[in-house]
N, C-alpha and C. Protein backbone atom coordinates (compact mmCIF):
# COMPACT_ATOMS: atom_id res chain seq x y z
N UNK A 1 102.77 86.38 112.56
CA UNK A 1 103.42 84.91 112.27
C UNK A 1 102.81 83.96 113.42
N UNK A 2 102.45 82.91 113.06
CA UNK A 2 101.87 81.92 113.85
C UNK A 2 102.79 80.64 114.01
N UNK A 3 103.40 80.47 115.26
CA UNK A 3 104.42 79.29 115.43
C UNK A 3 103.69 78.02 115.58
N UNK A 4 103.70 77.13 114.65
CA UNK A 4 102.72 75.99 114.61
C UNK A 4 103.47 74.80 115.36
N UNK A 5 104.85 74.88 115.37
CA UNK A 5 105.75 73.97 115.94
C UNK A 5 105.20 73.60 117.42
N UNK A 6 105.13 74.71 118.22
CA UNK A 6 104.80 74.71 119.55
C UNK A 6 103.46 74.74 119.98
N UNK A 7 102.39 74.58 118.91
CA UNK A 7 100.95 74.73 119.25
C UNK A 7 100.29 73.30 119.76
N UNK A 8 100.09 73.04 120.79
CA UNK A 8 99.46 71.81 121.20
C UNK A 8 98.26 71.52 120.17
N UNK A 9 97.44 72.53 119.82
CA UNK A 9 96.21 72.12 119.29
C UNK A 9 96.31 71.80 117.94
N UNK A 10 97.63 71.95 117.49
CA UNK A 10 97.84 71.40 116.02
C UNK A 10 98.30 69.82 115.98
N UNK A 11 98.72 69.35 117.04
CA UNK A 11 99.13 68.00 117.13
C UNK A 11 98.23 67.03 116.64
N UNK A 12 98.62 66.14 115.70
CA UNK A 12 97.78 64.74 115.41
C UNK A 12 96.74 65.46 114.24
N UNK A 13 96.67 66.66 113.85
CA UNK A 13 95.93 67.04 112.95
C UNK A 13 96.27 67.33 111.64
N UNK A 14 95.52 68.00 110.80
CA UNK A 14 95.92 68.48 109.47
C UNK A 14 95.92 70.02 109.31
N UNK A 15 96.48 70.35 108.19
CA UNK A 15 96.71 71.95 107.90
C UNK A 15 95.40 72.66 108.04
N UNK A 16 94.27 72.13 107.88
CA UNK A 16 92.97 72.79 108.02
C UNK A 16 92.68 72.90 109.80
N UNK A 17 92.99 71.97 110.23
CA UNK A 17 92.95 72.07 111.96
C UNK A 17 94.03 73.21 112.42
N UNK A 18 95.30 73.34 111.72
CA UNK A 18 96.01 74.28 112.19
C UNK A 18 95.51 75.74 111.87
N UNK A 19 94.92 75.85 110.54
CA UNK A 19 94.22 76.98 110.09
C UNK A 19 93.08 77.50 110.98
N UNK A 20 92.41 76.56 111.59
CA UNK A 20 91.26 76.69 112.50
C UNK A 20 91.81 77.38 113.71
N UNK A 21 92.90 76.85 114.11
CA UNK A 21 93.41 77.25 115.45
C UNK A 21 94.17 78.66 115.26
N UNK A 22 94.26 79.10 114.23
CA UNK A 22 94.91 80.54 113.88
C UNK A 22 94.08 81.61 114.16
N UNK A 23 94.48 82.58 114.96
CA UNK A 23 93.55 83.75 115.27
C UNK A 23 93.36 84.53 114.04
N UNK A 24 92.00 84.91 113.81
CA UNK A 24 91.52 85.61 112.62
C UNK A 24 91.20 84.91 111.50
N UNK A 25 91.59 83.55 111.45
CA UNK A 25 91.28 82.59 110.45
C UNK A 25 90.11 81.90 110.62
N UNK A 26 89.11 81.90 109.61
CA UNK A 26 87.92 81.07 109.62
C UNK A 26 87.98 79.99 108.63
N UNK A 27 87.61 78.76 108.75
CA UNK A 27 87.74 77.49 107.84
C UNK A 27 86.45 76.95 107.73
N UNK A 28 85.74 76.52 106.86
CA UNK A 28 84.36 75.97 106.73
C UNK A 28 84.73 74.84 105.77
N UNK A 29 83.73 74.01 105.47
CA UNK A 29 83.75 72.80 104.63
C UNK A 29 84.10 73.61 103.30
N UNK A 30 83.76 74.64 102.84
CA UNK A 30 84.05 74.98 101.54
C UNK A 30 84.99 76.27 101.30
N UNK A 31 85.30 76.84 102.25
CA UNK A 31 86.15 78.13 102.00
C UNK A 31 86.91 78.56 103.41
N UNK A 32 87.95 79.24 102.94
CA UNK A 32 88.85 79.81 104.07
C UNK A 32 88.70 81.43 103.88
N UNK A 33 88.73 82.09 104.92
CA UNK A 33 88.55 83.58 105.05
C UNK A 33 89.54 84.11 106.07
N UNK A 34 89.78 85.26 106.04
CA UNK A 34 90.59 86.10 107.20
C UNK A 34 89.69 87.20 107.55
N UNK A 35 89.46 87.36 108.77
CA UNK A 35 88.61 88.72 109.15
C UNK A 35 89.02 89.83 108.21
N UNK A 36 88.02 90.25 107.64
CA UNK A 36 87.99 91.35 106.77
C UNK A 36 88.42 91.06 105.45
N UNK A 37 88.62 89.87 105.01
CA UNK A 37 89.06 89.52 103.73
C UNK A 37 88.29 88.21 103.16
N UNK A 38 87.55 88.47 102.11
CA UNK A 38 86.97 87.09 101.62
C UNK A 38 87.79 86.37 100.71
N UNK A 39 88.68 86.99 100.16
CA UNK A 39 89.67 86.13 99.23
C UNK A 39 90.89 85.95 99.88
N UNK A 40 91.24 84.73 99.73
CA UNK A 40 92.53 84.12 100.58
C UNK A 40 93.50 83.38 99.41
N UNK A 41 94.65 83.77 99.50
CA UNK A 41 95.75 82.97 98.43
C UNK A 41 96.57 82.25 99.51
N UNK A 42 96.57 80.90 98.94
CA UNK A 42 97.45 79.99 99.92
C UNK A 42 98.65 79.57 99.24
N UNK A 43 99.79 79.76 99.93
CA UNK A 43 101.18 79.67 99.43
C UNK A 43 101.71 78.33 100.24
N UNK A 44 102.33 77.44 99.77
CA UNK A 44 103.02 76.34 100.42
C UNK A 44 104.41 76.40 100.05
N UNK A 45 105.38 76.41 100.91
CA UNK A 45 106.78 76.58 100.37
C UNK A 45 107.12 77.61 99.30
N UNK A 46 106.20 78.89 99.39
CA UNK A 46 106.25 79.96 98.59
C UNK A 46 105.70 79.54 97.19
N UNK A 47 105.00 78.55 97.22
CA UNK A 47 104.32 78.31 95.90
C UNK A 47 102.69 78.61 96.07
N UNK A 48 102.17 79.32 95.06
CA UNK A 48 100.88 79.56 95.09
C UNK A 48 100.14 78.47 94.73
N UNK A 49 98.92 78.00 95.78
CA UNK A 49 98.21 76.81 95.26
C UNK A 49 97.06 77.11 94.49
N UNK A 50 96.96 76.67 93.28
CA UNK A 50 95.87 77.12 92.54
C UNK A 50 94.61 76.31 92.66
N UNK A 51 94.07 76.07 93.81
CA UNK A 51 92.85 75.64 94.33
C UNK A 51 91.88 76.34 94.93
N UNK A 52 90.77 76.41 94.89
CA UNK A 52 89.73 76.97 95.65
C UNK A 52 88.56 76.00 96.04
N UNK A 53 87.83 76.70 97.12
CA UNK A 53 86.61 75.93 97.62
C UNK A 53 86.85 74.67 98.28
N UNK A 54 85.89 73.69 98.02
CA UNK A 54 86.19 72.44 98.70
C UNK A 54 87.30 71.68 97.99
N UNK A 55 87.98 71.89 96.86
CA UNK A 55 89.25 71.25 96.31
C UNK A 55 90.34 71.80 97.44
N UNK A 56 90.32 72.92 97.70
CA UNK A 56 91.38 73.45 98.45
C UNK A 56 91.20 72.95 99.81
N UNK A 57 89.95 72.89 100.31
CA UNK A 57 90.12 72.25 101.71
C UNK A 57 90.36 70.78 101.79
N UNK A 58 90.01 70.08 100.80
CA UNK A 58 90.44 68.71 100.69
C UNK A 58 91.96 68.60 100.59
N UNK A 59 92.45 69.48 99.80
CA UNK A 59 94.20 69.23 99.58
C UNK A 59 94.65 69.47 101.02
N UNK A 60 94.09 70.55 101.79
CA UNK A 60 94.64 70.97 102.91
C UNK A 60 94.58 69.86 103.99
N UNK A 61 93.58 69.16 104.04
CA UNK A 61 93.20 68.17 104.98
C UNK A 61 94.04 66.79 104.63
N UNK A 62 94.83 66.71 103.68
CA UNK A 62 95.82 65.77 103.50
C UNK A 62 97.36 66.03 103.82
N UNK A 63 97.40 67.28 104.15
CA UNK A 63 98.64 67.56 104.83
C UNK A 63 98.71 67.56 106.31
N UNK A 64 99.38 66.44 106.74
CA UNK A 64 99.75 66.39 108.32
C UNK A 64 100.02 67.77 109.06
N UNK A 65 99.56 68.07 110.17
CA UNK A 65 99.84 69.38 110.90
C UNK A 65 101.60 69.29 111.36
N UNK A 66 101.92 68.12 111.39
CA UNK A 66 103.36 68.03 111.98
C UNK A 66 104.37 68.63 110.75
N UNK A 67 104.04 68.67 109.52
CA UNK A 67 104.71 69.20 108.41
C UNK A 67 104.76 70.57 108.56
N UNK A 68 103.76 71.31 109.16
CA UNK A 68 103.94 72.91 109.19
C UNK A 68 104.85 73.45 110.52
N UNK A 69 105.52 74.34 110.08
CA UNK A 69 106.33 74.84 111.02
C UNK A 69 105.54 76.33 111.56
N UNK A 70 105.29 77.19 110.58
CA UNK A 70 104.83 78.29 110.82
C UNK A 70 103.91 78.70 109.67
N UNK A 71 103.01 79.83 110.25
CA UNK A 71 102.21 80.49 109.16
C UNK A 71 102.19 81.88 109.22
N UNK A 72 102.26 82.37 108.20
CA UNK A 72 102.21 83.83 107.88
C UNK A 72 101.02 84.41 107.35
N UNK A 73 100.34 85.36 107.90
CA UNK A 73 99.22 86.27 107.26
C UNK A 73 99.59 87.39 106.65
N UNK A 74 99.61 87.59 105.59
CA UNK A 74 100.20 88.90 104.77
C UNK A 74 99.00 89.56 103.89
N UNK A 75 99.02 90.88 104.15
CA UNK A 75 98.37 91.59 103.22
C UNK A 75 99.10 92.08 102.21
N UNK A 76 99.14 91.86 100.94
CA UNK A 76 99.82 92.31 99.66
C UNK A 76 98.96 93.04 98.80
N UNK A 77 99.74 93.64 97.97
CA UNK A 77 99.12 94.42 96.73
C UNK A 77 99.60 93.68 95.70
N UNK A 78 98.71 92.85 94.93
CA UNK A 78 99.01 92.23 93.60
C UNK A 78 99.12 93.15 92.69
N UNK A 79 100.37 93.40 92.27
CA UNK A 79 100.52 94.54 91.20
C UNK A 79 100.07 94.27 89.84
N UNK A 80 99.83 92.97 89.54
CA UNK A 80 99.44 92.61 88.09
C UNK A 80 97.90 92.78 88.20
N UNK A 81 97.16 92.42 89.03
CA UNK A 81 95.68 92.54 88.98
C UNK A 81 95.19 93.70 89.71
N UNK A 82 96.16 94.65 90.63
CA UNK A 82 95.76 95.86 91.02
C UNK A 82 94.49 95.78 92.07
N UNK A 83 94.68 94.77 92.88
CA UNK A 83 93.56 94.22 93.93
C UNK A 83 94.29 93.83 95.10
N UNK A 84 93.67 93.94 96.34
CA UNK A 84 94.26 93.62 97.56
C UNK A 84 93.91 91.95 97.70
N UNK A 85 95.02 91.24 98.20
CA UNK A 85 94.83 89.94 98.57
C UNK A 85 95.40 89.61 99.90
N UNK A 86 95.00 88.47 100.38
CA UNK A 86 95.58 87.93 101.55
C UNK A 86 96.27 86.76 101.34
N UNK A 87 97.34 86.33 101.92
CA UNK A 87 98.25 85.21 101.70
C UNK A 87 98.51 84.50 103.04
N UNK A 88 98.31 83.11 103.17
CA UNK A 88 98.45 82.55 104.37
C UNK A 88 99.45 81.52 104.14
């Protein structure tokens, strides 16, 4: 877990800035990845965000970093799809 509330690097930024400062997370203009995983699922307030690529990046840029308290990086097994996924 990454505590964003106390992270100086996140002040005045956006959700993408927070992700960029999170160890092991890579953010480009068109994708988010986590070391060892190319597929990343984003949940906000326990809701899966149904966006990807540039649409997801644009959405995350609209969220002020001050609204984010913490990030969790989880490796889970998606039972319905029978594949590994990563959730941020």
